């Protein structure tokens, strides 16, 4: 079971990556309500959220089937009532950049667990899937 999240079209954050996570995060992000992730699981800025890619398509609606099922990491940054999940720099460089997804793209993911900065692993929604 997991938290299912998707972007309308993710694109670089216009103000740049927040300073506290800039070493680990790319400019590309998903947004989900904090009540579905950081609040119930007591996650903090900089924690990693891990999952699998369900679907990726570019602005021309081209599907990237080769990316389905690939693992992906996000770096959490919370602001007010929104959790911003920035695609980790490593995964963006290794996956999205190499497929030419450097402007805007749609992505849906299955978020399965989080790794806190202290190394503790937290499983997300173990009894049911929840759509963000």
N, C-alpha and C. Protein backbone atom coordinates (compact mmCIF):
# COMPACT_ATOMS: atom_id res chain seq x y z
N UNK A 1 0.84 -1.17 0.00
CA UNK A 1 0.00 0.00 0.00
C UNK A 1 0.90 1.24 0.00
N UNK A 2 0.32 2.40 -0.37
CA UNK A 2 1.18 3.57 -0.54
C UNK A 2 0.35 4.83 -0.68
N UNK A 3 1.06 5.94 -0.78
CA UNK A 3 0.47 7.23 -1.09
C UNK A 3 0.70 7.48 -2.57
N UNK A 4 -0.36 7.67 -3.33
CA UNK A 4 -0.27 7.88 -4.77
C UNK A 4 -0.31 9.39 -5.03
N UNK A 5 0.72 9.91 -5.67
CA UNK A 5 0.81 11.34 -5.94
C UNK A 5 1.08 11.57 -7.41
N UNK A 6 0.62 12.72 -7.91
CA UNK A 6 0.87 13.07 -9.30
C UNK A 6 0.99 14.57 -9.43
N UNK A 7 1.67 14.98 -10.49
CA UNK A 7 1.80 16.40 -10.77
C UNK A 7 0.88 16.73 -11.93
N UNK A 8 0.45 17.96 -11.99
CA UNK A 8 -0.25 18.40 -13.21
C UNK A 8 0.81 18.39 -14.31
N UNK A 9 1.76 19.28 -14.25
CA UNK A 9 3.00 19.25 -15.00
C UNK A 9 4.05 19.84 -14.10
N UNK A 10 5.02 19.03 -13.72
CA UNK A 10 6.05 19.53 -12.85
C UNK A 10 7.04 20.33 -13.68
N UNK A 11 7.49 21.41 -13.13
CA UNK A 11 8.44 22.27 -13.80
C UNK A 11 9.35 22.87 -12.74
N UNK A 12 10.47 23.45 -13.15
CA UNK A 12 11.37 24.00 -12.14
C UNK A 12 10.69 25.05 -11.26
N UNK A 13 11.02 25.02 -9.97
CA UNK A 13 10.49 26.01 -9.05
C UNK A 13 11.13 27.33 -9.38
N UNK A 14 10.32 28.35 -9.63
CA UNK A 14 10.82 29.63 -10.14
C UNK A 14 11.82 30.32 -9.21
N UNK A 15 11.72 30.11 -7.91
CA UNK A 15 12.64 30.77 -6.99
C UNK A 15 13.87 29.92 -6.69
N UNK A 16 13.98 28.77 -7.30
CA UNK A 16 15.11 27.88 -7.04
C UNK A 16 14.83 26.96 -5.87
N UNK A 17 15.69 25.99 -5.70
CA UNK A 17 15.54 25.01 -4.64
C UNK A 17 15.80 25.69 -3.29
N UNK A 18 14.95 25.42 -2.29
CA UNK A 18 15.19 26.00 -0.96
C UNK A 18 16.60 25.68 -0.46
N UNK A 19 17.22 26.64 0.18
CA UNK A 19 18.61 26.54 0.60
C UNK A 19 18.88 25.29 1.45
N UNK A 20 17.96 24.95 2.33
CA UNK A 20 18.19 23.84 3.27
C UNK A 20 18.29 22.47 2.59
N UNK A 21 17.82 22.35 1.34
CA UNK A 21 17.86 21.06 0.64
C UNK A 21 18.57 21.14 -0.70
N UNK A 22 19.18 22.27 -1.01
CA UNK A 22 19.72 22.49 -2.36
C UNK A 22 20.80 21.51 -2.77
N UNK A 23 21.53 20.94 -1.81
CA UNK A 23 22.58 19.98 -2.17
C UNK A 23 22.03 18.63 -2.61
N UNK A 24 20.80 18.30 -2.20
CA UNK A 24 20.24 16.97 -2.49
C UNK A 24 19.13 17.00 -3.54
N UNK A 25 18.56 18.17 -3.83
CA UNK A 25 17.34 18.23 -4.63
C UNK A 25 17.53 18.89 -5.99
N UNK A 26 16.76 18.42 -6.96
CA UNK A 26 16.69 19.10 -8.27
C UNK A 26 15.65 20.21 -8.15
N UNK A 27 15.43 20.91 -9.22
CA UNK A 27 14.42 21.98 -9.26
C UNK A 27 12.99 21.45 -9.44
N UNK A 28 12.82 20.18 -9.77
CA UNK A 28 11.52 19.64 -10.13
C UNK A 28 10.82 19.04 -8.91
N UNK A 29 9.51 19.30 -8.81
CA UNK A 29 8.80 18.92 -7.58
C UNK A 29 7.37 18.50 -7.84
N UNK A 30 6.82 17.80 -6.86
CA UNK A 30 5.38 17.52 -6.75
C UNK A 30 4.88 18.28 -5.54
N UNK A 31 3.61 18.59 -5.51
CA UNK A 31 3.02 19.25 -4.35
C UNK A 31 1.87 18.39 -3.84
N UNK A 32 1.87 18.13 -2.52
CA UNK A 32 0.75 17.41 -1.92
C UNK A 32 0.41 18.06 -0.58
N UNK A 33 -0.82 17.93 -0.14
CA UNK A 33 -1.19 18.51 1.16
C UNK A 33 -0.40 17.87 2.30
N UNK A 34 0.09 18.69 3.19
CA UNK A 34 0.87 18.20 4.34
C UNK A 34 0.08 17.22 5.20
N UNK A 35 -1.25 17.36 5.23
CA UNK A 35 -2.06 16.46 6.06
C UNK A 35 -2.01 15.02 5.57
N UNK A 36 -1.47 14.79 4.37
CA UNK A 36 -1.40 13.43 3.85
C UNK A 36 0.01 12.83 3.93
N UNK A 37 1.00 13.63 4.34
CA UNK A 37 2.35 13.08 4.40
C UNK A 37 3.13 13.55 5.64
N UNK A 38 3.61 14.77 5.63
CA UNK A 38 4.52 15.18 6.72
C UNK A 38 3.84 15.24 8.08
N UNK A 39 2.59 15.64 8.13
CA UNK A 39 1.90 15.75 9.42
C UNK A 39 1.62 14.37 10.02
N UNK A 40 0.96 13.45 9.32
CA UNK A 40 0.67 12.16 9.97
C UNK A 40 1.92 11.31 10.25
N UNK A 41 3.00 11.53 9.50
CA UNK A 41 4.19 10.72 9.69
C UNK A 41 5.34 11.49 10.36
N UNK A 42 5.07 12.70 10.83
CA UNK A 42 6.06 13.54 11.53
C UNK A 42 7.36 13.66 10.75
N UNK A 43 7.24 13.92 9.45
CA UNK A 43 8.42 14.09 8.61
C UNK A 43 8.86 15.55 8.62
N UNK A 44 10.15 15.76 8.38
CA UNK A 44 10.75 17.09 8.44
C UNK A 44 11.45 17.41 7.13
N UNK A 45 11.74 18.69 6.94
CA UNK A 45 12.47 19.13 5.76
C UNK A 45 13.77 18.34 5.62
N UNK A 46 14.05 17.88 4.42
CA UNK A 46 15.27 17.14 4.15
C UNK A 46 15.12 15.64 4.24
N UNK A 47 14.00 15.14 4.81
CA UNK A 47 13.77 13.70 4.83
C UNK A 47 13.57 13.21 3.39
N UNK A 48 13.97 11.96 3.13
CA UNK A 48 13.78 11.36 1.81
C UNK A 48 12.46 10.62 1.76
N UNK A 49 11.77 10.72 0.64
CA UNK A 49 10.55 9.96 0.41
C UNK A 49 10.83 9.11 -0.83
N UNK A 50 10.62 7.80 -0.70
CA UNK A 50 10.98 6.86 -1.75
C UNK A 50 9.74 6.22 -2.36
N UNK A 51 9.82 5.96 -3.65
CA UNK A 51 8.69 5.32 -4.29
C UNK A 51 9.04 4.77 -5.65
N UNK A 52 7.99 4.53 -6.44
CA UNK A 52 8.14 4.00 -7.80
C UNK A 52 7.33 4.85 -8.76
N UNK A 53 7.85 4.99 -9.95
CA UNK A 53 7.18 5.76 -11.00
C UNK A 53 6.04 4.93 -11.58
N UNK A 54 4.86 5.54 -11.65
CA UNK A 54 3.71 4.90 -12.29
C UNK A 54 3.58 5.33 -13.74
N UNK A 55 3.81 6.63 -13.99
CA UNK A 55 3.62 7.16 -15.35
C UNK A 55 4.41 8.45 -15.51
N UNK A 56 4.98 8.64 -16.70
CA UNK A 56 5.63 9.89 -17.06
C UNK A 56 5.23 10.21 -18.48
N UNK A 57 4.86 11.47 -18.71
CA UNK A 57 4.61 11.92 -20.09
C UNK A 57 5.05 13.37 -20.20
N UNK A 58 5.46 13.73 -21.41
CA UNK A 58 5.88 15.11 -21.63
C UNK A 58 4.70 15.97 -22.03
N UNK A 59 4.94 17.23 -22.31
CA UNK A 59 3.85 18.17 -22.62
C UNK A 59 3.17 17.85 -23.95
N UNK A 60 3.81 17.03 -24.78
CA UNK A 60 3.18 16.59 -26.04
C UNK A 60 2.43 15.27 -25.86
N UNK A 61 2.27 14.84 -24.60
CA UNK A 61 1.56 13.61 -24.24
C UNK A 61 2.30 12.34 -24.66
N UNK A 62 3.61 12.45 -24.90
CA UNK A 62 4.41 11.26 -25.20
C UNK A 62 4.64 10.52 -23.90
N UNK A 63 4.29 9.22 -23.91
CA UNK A 63 4.46 8.35 -22.73
C UNK A 63 5.88 7.80 -22.69
N UNK A 64 6.47 7.78 -21.52
CA UNK A 64 7.80 7.21 -21.33
C UNK A 64 7.65 5.88 -20.59
N UNK A 65 7.25 4.86 -21.33
CA UNK A 65 6.96 3.55 -20.76
C UNK A 65 8.18 2.91 -20.09
N UNK A 66 9.37 3.22 -20.57
CA UNK A 66 10.60 2.64 -20.01
C UNK A 66 10.83 3.10 -18.56
N UNK A 67 10.17 4.18 -18.14
CA UNK A 67 10.36 4.69 -16.79
C UNK A 67 9.39 4.08 -15.78
N UNK A 68 8.33 3.43 -16.26
CA UNK A 68 7.36 2.83 -15.34
C UNK A 68 8.03 1.77 -14.46
N UNK A 69 7.75 1.86 -13.17
CA UNK A 69 8.29 0.89 -12.22
C UNK A 69 9.67 1.24 -11.68
N UNK A 70 10.32 2.24 -12.25
CA UNK A 70 11.64 2.63 -11.74
C UNK A 70 11.50 3.28 -10.38
N UNK A 71 12.48 3.05 -9.52
CA UNK A 71 12.50 3.69 -8.21
C UNK A 71 12.84 5.16 -8.36
N UNK A 72 12.36 5.94 -7.41
CA UNK A 72 12.60 7.38 -7.42
C UNK A 72 12.65 7.88 -5.99
N UNK A 73 13.51 8.86 -5.75
CA UNK A 73 13.62 9.49 -4.44
C UNK A 73 13.23 10.96 -4.54
N UNK A 74 12.58 11.43 -3.49
CA UNK A 74 12.23 12.84 -3.37
C UNK A 74 12.81 13.39 -2.08
N UNK A 75 13.08 14.68 -2.06
CA UNK A 75 13.51 15.37 -0.85
C UNK A 75 12.36 16.25 -0.40
N UNK A 76 11.95 16.10 0.85
CA UNK A 76 10.79 16.81 1.39
C UNK A 76 11.15 18.23 1.81
N UNK A 77 10.25 19.15 1.47
CA UNK A 77 10.33 20.53 1.96
C UNK A 77 8.90 20.98 2.22
N UNK A 78 8.57 21.28 3.47
CA UNK A 78 7.21 21.70 3.83
C UNK A 78 7.15 23.20 3.97
N UNK A 79 6.07 23.77 3.48
CA UNK A 79 5.85 25.21 3.61
C UNK A 79 4.35 25.42 3.78
N UNK A 80 3.99 26.01 4.91
CA UNK A 80 2.60 26.22 5.28
C UNK A 80 1.89 24.87 5.30
N UNK A 81 0.90 24.67 4.45
CA UNK A 81 0.14 23.41 4.49
C UNK A 81 0.44 22.52 3.29
N UNK A 82 1.57 22.76 2.63
CA UNK A 82 1.92 21.99 1.44
C UNK A 82 3.27 21.31 1.63
N UNK A 83 3.34 20.05 1.23
CA UNK A 83 4.61 19.34 1.17
C UNK A 83 5.09 19.38 -0.27
N UNK A 84 6.27 19.93 -0.46
CA UNK A 84 6.90 19.94 -1.78
C UNK A 84 7.88 18.77 -1.80
N UNK A 85 7.69 17.89 -2.74
CA UNK A 85 8.57 16.74 -2.91
C UNK A 85 9.44 17.00 -4.13
N UNK A 86 10.67 17.41 -3.87
CA UNK A 86 11.61 17.69 -4.94
C UNK A 86 12.27 16.39 -5.38
N UNK A 87 12.24 16.13 -6.69
CA UNK A 87 12.94 14.96 -7.20
C UNK A 87 14.41 15.10 -6.81
N UNK A 88 14.98 14.04 -6.25
CA UNK A 88 16.38 14.13 -5.83
C UNK A 88 17.25 14.44 -7.04
N UNK A 89 18.32 15.16 -6.77
CA UNK A 89 19.25 15.54 -7.85
C UNK A 89 19.77 14.29 -8.55
N UNK A 90 20.12 13.25 -7.78
CA UNK A 90 20.64 12.01 -8.36
C UNK A 90 19.65 11.39 -9.35
N UNK A 91 18.40 11.26 -8.96
CA UNK A 91 17.40 10.63 -9.83
C UNK A 91 17.05 11.51 -11.02
N UNK A 92 17.02 12.82 -10.81
CA UNK A 92 16.72 13.71 -11.93
C UNK A 92 17.83 13.61 -12.96
N UNK A 93 19.08 13.65 -12.51
CA UNK A 93 20.20 13.58 -13.46
C UNK A 93 20.26 12.23 -14.16
N UNK A 94 20.02 11.16 -13.42
CA UNK A 94 20.15 9.81 -13.97
C UNK A 94 18.98 9.42 -14.86
N UNK A 95 17.79 9.88 -14.53
CA UNK A 95 16.60 9.43 -15.26
C UNK A 95 16.02 10.53 -16.14
N UNK A 96 15.46 11.55 -15.54
CA UNK A 96 14.69 12.55 -16.30
C UNK A 96 15.54 13.35 -17.27
N UNK A 97 16.69 13.84 -16.82
CA UNK A 97 17.56 14.62 -17.70
C UNK A 97 17.97 13.80 -18.91
N UNK A 98 18.34 12.53 -18.69
CA UNK A 98 18.84 11.71 -19.78
C UNK A 98 17.75 11.36 -20.80
N UNK A 99 16.50 11.46 -20.41
CA UNK A 99 15.38 11.27 -21.35
C UNK A 99 14.94 12.59 -21.97
N UNK A 100 15.64 13.68 -21.65
CA UNK A 100 15.32 14.99 -22.22
C UNK A 100 14.17 15.69 -21.53
N UNK A 101 13.79 15.22 -20.36
CA UNK A 101 12.68 15.84 -19.61
C UNK A 101 13.26 16.96 -18.73
N UNK A 102 13.55 18.09 -19.38
CA UNK A 102 14.24 19.18 -18.70
C UNK A 102 13.39 20.45 -18.56
N UNK A 103 12.19 20.44 -19.10
CA UNK A 103 11.31 21.61 -18.97
C UNK A 103 10.13 21.29 -18.07
N UNK A 104 9.10 20.69 -18.63
CA UNK A 104 7.92 20.34 -17.85
C UNK A 104 7.46 18.95 -18.25
N UNK A 105 6.96 18.19 -17.28
CA UNK A 105 6.47 16.85 -17.58
C UNK A 105 5.48 16.44 -16.50
N UNK A 106 4.62 15.50 -16.87
CA UNK A 106 3.65 14.91 -15.93
C UNK A 106 4.30 13.68 -15.32
N UNK A 107 4.11 13.49 -14.03
CA UNK A 107 4.62 12.29 -13.38
C UNK A 107 3.62 11.85 -12.31
N UNK A 108 3.36 10.55 -12.23
CA UNK A 108 2.60 10.01 -11.11
C UNK A 108 3.48 8.95 -10.46
N UNK A 109 3.41 8.90 -9.14
CA UNK A 109 4.29 8.02 -8.37
C UNK A 109 3.55 7.35 -7.25
N UNK A 110 4.11 6.24 -6.82
CA UNK A 110 3.62 5.48 -5.68
C UNK A 110 4.65 5.67 -4.57
N UNK A 111 4.32 6.45 -3.55
CA UNK A 111 5.24 6.74 -2.45
C UNK A 111 5.09 5.68 -1.38
N UNK A 112 6.12 4.90 -1.16
CA UNK A 112 6.02 3.72 -0.30
C UNK A 112 6.64 3.89 1.08
N UNK A 113 7.70 4.67 1.19
CA UNK A 113 8.32 4.87 2.50
C UNK A 113 9.12 6.15 2.54
N UNK A 114 9.51 6.51 3.75
CA UNK A 114 10.32 7.70 3.97
C UNK A 114 11.52 7.30 4.82
N UNK A 115 12.61 8.00 4.62
CA UNK A 115 13.81 7.81 5.43
C UNK A 115 14.09 9.13 6.12
N UNK A 116 13.98 9.11 7.44
CA UNK A 116 14.26 10.32 8.21
C UNK A 116 15.76 10.58 8.20
N UNK A 117 16.13 11.82 8.51
CA UNK A 117 17.55 12.19 8.53
C UNK A 117 18.36 11.32 9.50
N UNK A 118 17.71 10.80 10.54
CA UNK A 118 18.42 9.94 11.49
C UNK A 118 18.56 8.49 10.99
N UNK A 119 18.05 8.22 9.77
CA UNK A 119 18.18 6.90 9.17
C UNK A 119 17.00 5.97 9.39
N UNK A 120 16.05 6.37 10.24
CA UNK A 120 14.88 5.53 10.49
C UNK A 120 13.97 5.49 9.27
N UNK A 121 13.53 4.28 8.90
CA UNK A 121 12.63 4.08 7.77
C UNK A 121 11.19 4.03 8.27
N UNK A 122 10.30 4.71 7.55
CA UNK A 122 8.88 4.76 7.90
C UNK A 122 8.08 4.28 6.69
N UNK A 123 7.30 3.24 6.84
CA UNK A 123 6.42 2.78 5.76
C UNK A 123 5.19 3.67 5.72
N UNK A 124 4.74 3.99 4.51
CA UNK A 124 3.59 4.89 4.32
C UNK A 124 2.34 4.10 3.98
N UNK A 125 1.26 4.40 4.67
CA UNK A 125 -0.06 3.84 4.40
C UNK A 125 0.02 2.34 4.12
N UNK A 126 0.31 1.58 5.16
CA UNK A 126 0.55 0.15 5.03
C UNK A 126 -0.72 -0.69 4.82
N UNK A 127 -1.90 -0.11 5.09
CA UNK A 127 -3.14 -0.88 4.99
C UNK A 127 -4.02 -0.50 3.80
N UNK A 128 -3.72 0.63 3.14
CA UNK A 128 -4.56 1.07 2.02
C UNK A 128 -3.80 2.07 1.17
N UNK A 129 -4.12 2.12 -0.12
CA UNK A 129 -3.60 3.18 -0.96
C UNK A 129 -4.41 4.44 -0.71
N UNK A 130 -3.73 5.57 -0.70
CA UNK A 130 -4.38 6.87 -0.52
C UNK A 130 -3.91 7.79 -1.63
N UNK A 131 -4.86 8.45 -2.28
CA UNK A 131 -4.51 9.39 -3.33
C UNK A 131 -4.27 10.75 -2.69
N UNK A 132 -3.14 11.35 -3.07
CA UNK A 132 -2.77 12.67 -2.51
C UNK A 132 -3.57 13.78 -3.17
